[in-house]
C-alpha atoms as a PDB file:
ATOM      1  CA  MET A   1     -34.749 101.309  26.664  1.00  0.00           C
ATOM      2  CA  ILE A   2     -37.146 103.936  25.983  1.00  0.00           C
ATOM      3  CA  THR A   3     -39.181 102.819  23.141  1.00  0.00           C
ATOM      4  CA  GLY A   4     -41.728 105.211  21.442  1.00  0.00           C
ATOM      5  CA  ALA A   5     -45.354 104.232  20.056  1.00  0.00           C
ATOM      6  CA  PHE A   6     -44.696 101.966  18.181  1.00  0.00           C
ATOM      7  CA  GLY A   7     -41.059 100.635  19.047  1.00  0.00           C
ATOM      8  CA  ALA A   8     -38.998 102.719  18.286  1.00  0.00           C
ATOM      9  CA  SER A   9     -36.109 103.507  19.717  1.00  0.00           C
ATOM     10  CA  ALA A  10     -35.512 106.557  22.302  1.00  0.00           C
ATOM     11  CA  GLN A  11     -32.733 107.653  19.595  1.00  0.00           C
ATOM     12  CA  THR A  12     -35.124 107.811  16.773  1.00  0.00           C
ATOM     13  CA  ALA A  13     -37.963 109.029  18.843  1.00  0.00           C
ATOM     14  CA  THR A  14     -39.355 112.599  18.380  1.00  0.00           C
ATOM     15  CA  PRO A  15     -40.985 114.696  21.237  1.00  0.00           C
ATOM     16  CA  LEU A  16     -44.416 115.588  20.449  1.00  0.00           C
ATOM     17  CA  ALA A  17     -43.576 118.830  21.461  1.00  0.00           C
ATOM     18  CA  SER A  18     -41.138 119.310  18.565  1.00  0.00           C
ATOM     19  CA  TYR A  19     -44.782 118.846  15.958  1.00  0.00           C
ATOM     20  CA  ALA A  20     -45.802 122.139  18.124  1.00  0.00           C
ATOM     21  CA  ASP A  21     -46.224 126.119  16.525  1.00  0.00           C
ATOM     22  CA  ALA A  22     -44.530 128.719  18.219  1.00  0.00           C
ATOM     23  CA  ASP A  23     -46.890 129.504  21.127  1.00  0.00           C
ATOM     24  CA  GLY A  24     -46.770 125.519  21.569  1.00  0.00           C
ATOM     25  CA  TRP A  25     -50.100 124.370  19.943  1.00  0.00           C
ATOM     26  CA  ILE A  26     -50.292 120.977  18.050  1.00  0.00           C
ATOM     27  CA  ASP A  27     -52.908 121.041  15.271  1.00  0.00           C
ATOM     28  CA  VAL A  28     -54.190 117.857  16.498  1.00  0.00           C
ATOM     29  CA  GLN A  29     -56.528 117.260  13.224  1.00  0.00           C
ATOM     30  CA  ALA A  30     -53.328 117.228  11.062  1.00  0.00           C
ATOM     31  CA  MET A  31     -51.130 115.197  12.950  1.00  0.00           C
ATOM     32  CA  THR A  32     -49.789 111.817  10.874  1.00  0.00           C
ATOM     33  CA  CYS A  33     -50.157 107.824  12.697  1.00  0.00           C
ATOM     34  CA  ALA A  34     -46.196 108.320  11.479  1.00  0.00           C
ATOM     35  CA  GLN A  35     -46.108 111.640  14.062  1.00  0.00           C
ATOM     36  CA  LEU A  36     -47.914 109.611  16.442  1.00  0.00           C
ATOM     37  CA  ALA A  37     -45.858 106.629  15.478  1.00  0.00           C
ATOM     38  CA  GLY A  38     -42.852 108.001  15.830  1.00  0.00           C
ATOM     39  CA  THR A  39     -43.305 110.000  19.319  1.00  0.00           C
ATOM     40  CA  TYR A  40     -42.230 108.234  22.897  1.00  0.00           C
ATOM     41  CA  GLN A  41     -45.060 106.022  24.142  1.00  0.00           C
ATOM     42  CA  GLU A  42     -46.133 108.122  27.254  1.00  0.00           C
ATOM     43  CA  ASP A  43     -46.469 111.134  24.873  1.00  0.00           C
ATOM     44  CA  ALA A  44     -48.387 109.057  22.404  1.00  0.00           C
ATOM     45  CA  ASP A  45     -50.786 107.469  25.458  1.00  0.00           C
ATOM     46  CA  MET A  46     -50.882 111.404  26.458  1.00  0.00           C
ATOM     47  CA  LEU A  47     -52.166 112.567  22.966  1.00  0.00           C
ATOM     48  CA  THR A  48     -54.405 109.409  22.358  1.00  0.00           C
ATOM     49  CA  THR A  49     -56.153 110.393  25.803  1.00  0.00           C
ATOM     50  CA  TRP A  50     -56.800 113.898  25.036  1.00  0.00           C
ATOM     51  CA  TYR A  51     -58.076 112.623  21.969  1.00  0.00           C
ATOM     52  CA  SER A  52     -60.652 110.620  23.695  1.00  0.00           C
ATOM     53  CA  GLY A  53     -61.548 113.663  25.602  1.00  0.00           C
ATOM     54  CA  TRP A  54     -62.390 115.645  23.021  1.00  0.00           C
ATOM     55  CA  TYR A  55     -64.864 112.993  21.123  1.00  0.00           C
ATOM     56  CA  ASN A  56     -66.385 112.358  24.701  1.00  0.00           C
ATOM     57  CA  GLY A  57     -67.025 116.136  24.716  1.00  0.00           C
ATOM     58  CA  LEU A  58     -68.292 116.668  21.147  1.00  0.00           C
ATOM     59  CA  ALA A  59     -70.709 113.448  22.318  1.00  0.00           C
ATOM     60  CA  LYS A  60     -71.259 115.093  25.893  1.00  0.00           C
ATOM     61  CA  LYS A  61     -69.959 112.576  27.192  1.00  0.00           C
ATOM     62  CA  HIS A  62     -68.503 112.952  30.946  1.00  0.00           C
ATOM     63  CA  MET A  63     -67.256 109.981  32.101  1.00  0.00           C
ATOM     64  CA  ILE A  64     -63.946 107.420  31.057  1.00  0.00           C
ATOM     65  CA  ASN A  65     -63.776 103.807  30.873  1.00  0.00           C
ATOM     66  CA  VAL A  66     -60.574 103.265  31.272  1.00  0.00           C
ATOM     67  CA  LYS A  67     -60.207  99.582  29.972  1.00  0.00           C
ATOM     68  CA  ARG A  68     -61.687 100.720  26.818  1.00  0.00           C
ATOM     69  CA  GLY A  69     -59.769 103.497  26.136  1.00  0.00           C
ATOM     70  CA  LYS A  70     -56.641 101.918  26.594  1.00  0.00           C
ATOM     71  CA  ASP A  71     -58.101  98.801  24.135  1.00  0.00           C
ATOM     72  CA  LEU A  72     -59.228 101.505  22.039  1.00  0.00           C
ATOM     73  CA  GLU A  73     -55.682 103.289  21.841  1.00  0.00           C
ATOM     74  CA  HIS A  74     -54.002  99.596  20.958  1.00  0.00           C
ATOM     75  CA  GLN A  75     -56.452  99.546  17.874  1.00  0.00           C
ATOM     76  CA  VAL A  76     -55.518 103.265  16.710  1.00  0.00           C
ATOM     77  CA  ILE A  77     -52.276 102.243  17.162  1.00  0.00           C
ATOM     78  CA  VAL A  78     -52.811  99.046  15.274  1.00  0.00           C
ATOM     79  CA  TYR A  79     -54.253 101.064  12.640  1.00  0.00           C
ATOM     80  CA  CYS A  80     -51.710 103.672  12.313  1.00  0.00           C
ATOM     81  CA  LYS A  81     -48.833 101.283  12.130  1.00  0.00           C
ATOM     82  CA  ALA A  82     -50.527  99.847   8.750  1.00  0.00           C
ATOM     83  CA  ASN A  83     -51.529 102.986   7.934  1.00  0.00           C
ATOM     84  CA  PRO A  84     -49.198 105.849   8.452  1.00  0.00           C
ATOM     85  CA  ASP A  85     -49.953 107.937   6.143  1.00  0.00           C
ATOM     86  CA  LYS A  86     -52.831 108.577   7.553  1.00  0.00           C
ATOM     87  CA  LYS A  87     -54.003 110.973   9.661  1.00  0.00           C
ATOM     88  CA  VAL A  88     -54.787 110.367  13.668  1.00  0.00           C
ATOM     89  CA  ILE A  89     -58.216 111.285  13.732  1.00  0.00           C
ATOM     90  CA  GLN A  90     -59.405 109.107  10.571  1.00  0.00           C
ATOM     91  CA  ALA A  91     -57.095 106.010  12.320  1.00  0.00           C
ATOM     92  CA  ILE A  92     -59.426 107.368  15.096  1.00  0.00           C
ATOM     93  CA  GLY A  93     -62.795 107.128  12.961  1.00  0.00           C
ATOM     94  CA  VAL A  94     -62.259 103.699  11.747  1.00  0.00           C
ATOM     95  CA  VAL A  95     -62.024 102.709  15.312  1.00  0.00           C
ATOM     96  CA  LEU A  96     -64.647 103.731  16.789  1.00  0.00           C
ATOM     97  CA  LYS A  97     -66.799 102.819  13.338  1.00  0.00           C
ATOM     98  CA  ASP A  98     -65.865  99.497  13.925  1.00  0.00           C
ATOM     99  CA  LYS A  99     -66.279  99.399  17.415  1.00  0.00           C
ATOM    100  CA  ARG A 100     -69.983 100.504  16.990  1.00  0.00           C
ATOM    101  CA  ALA A 101     -70.646  98.448  14.784  1.00  0.00           C
ATOM    102  CA  GLU A 102     -68.964  95.428  16.983  1.00  0.00           C
ATOM    103  CA  LEU A 103     -71.820  96.951  19.636  1.00  0.00           C
ATOM    104  CA  GLY A 104     -74.560  97.432  17.437  1.00  0.00           C
ATOM    105  CA  ILE A 105     -74.778 100.842  17.924  1.00  0.00           C
ATOM    106  CA  LYS A 106     -76.194 102.699  14.807  1.00  0.00           C
ATOM    107  CA  MET A 107     -76.196 106.645  14.502  1.00  0.00           C
ATOM    108  CA  LYS A 108     -77.967 108.599  13.937  1.00  0.00           C
END
């Protein structure tokens, strides 16, 4: 059985493409935790990888730490499970803020 990002069965999972506009674009700033939770696991993985690239690009980082990325993805999913009404970018912000605090990283 294929499951969604949060364990939803394949019959109830929604393809990520269904959130796209007529031209195929998804507004990633509007994407909710509930939408992330309701899509297929491989779609959730792809989307969180895209977000990672977006944030790393903004920070002018050009490398990926696969283990850390998977850990942060898991933390975003846990946060989203508890907060389905939040935006995914809000969930990522909370997780990154917590991770920076844990590592002692201060932002300017």
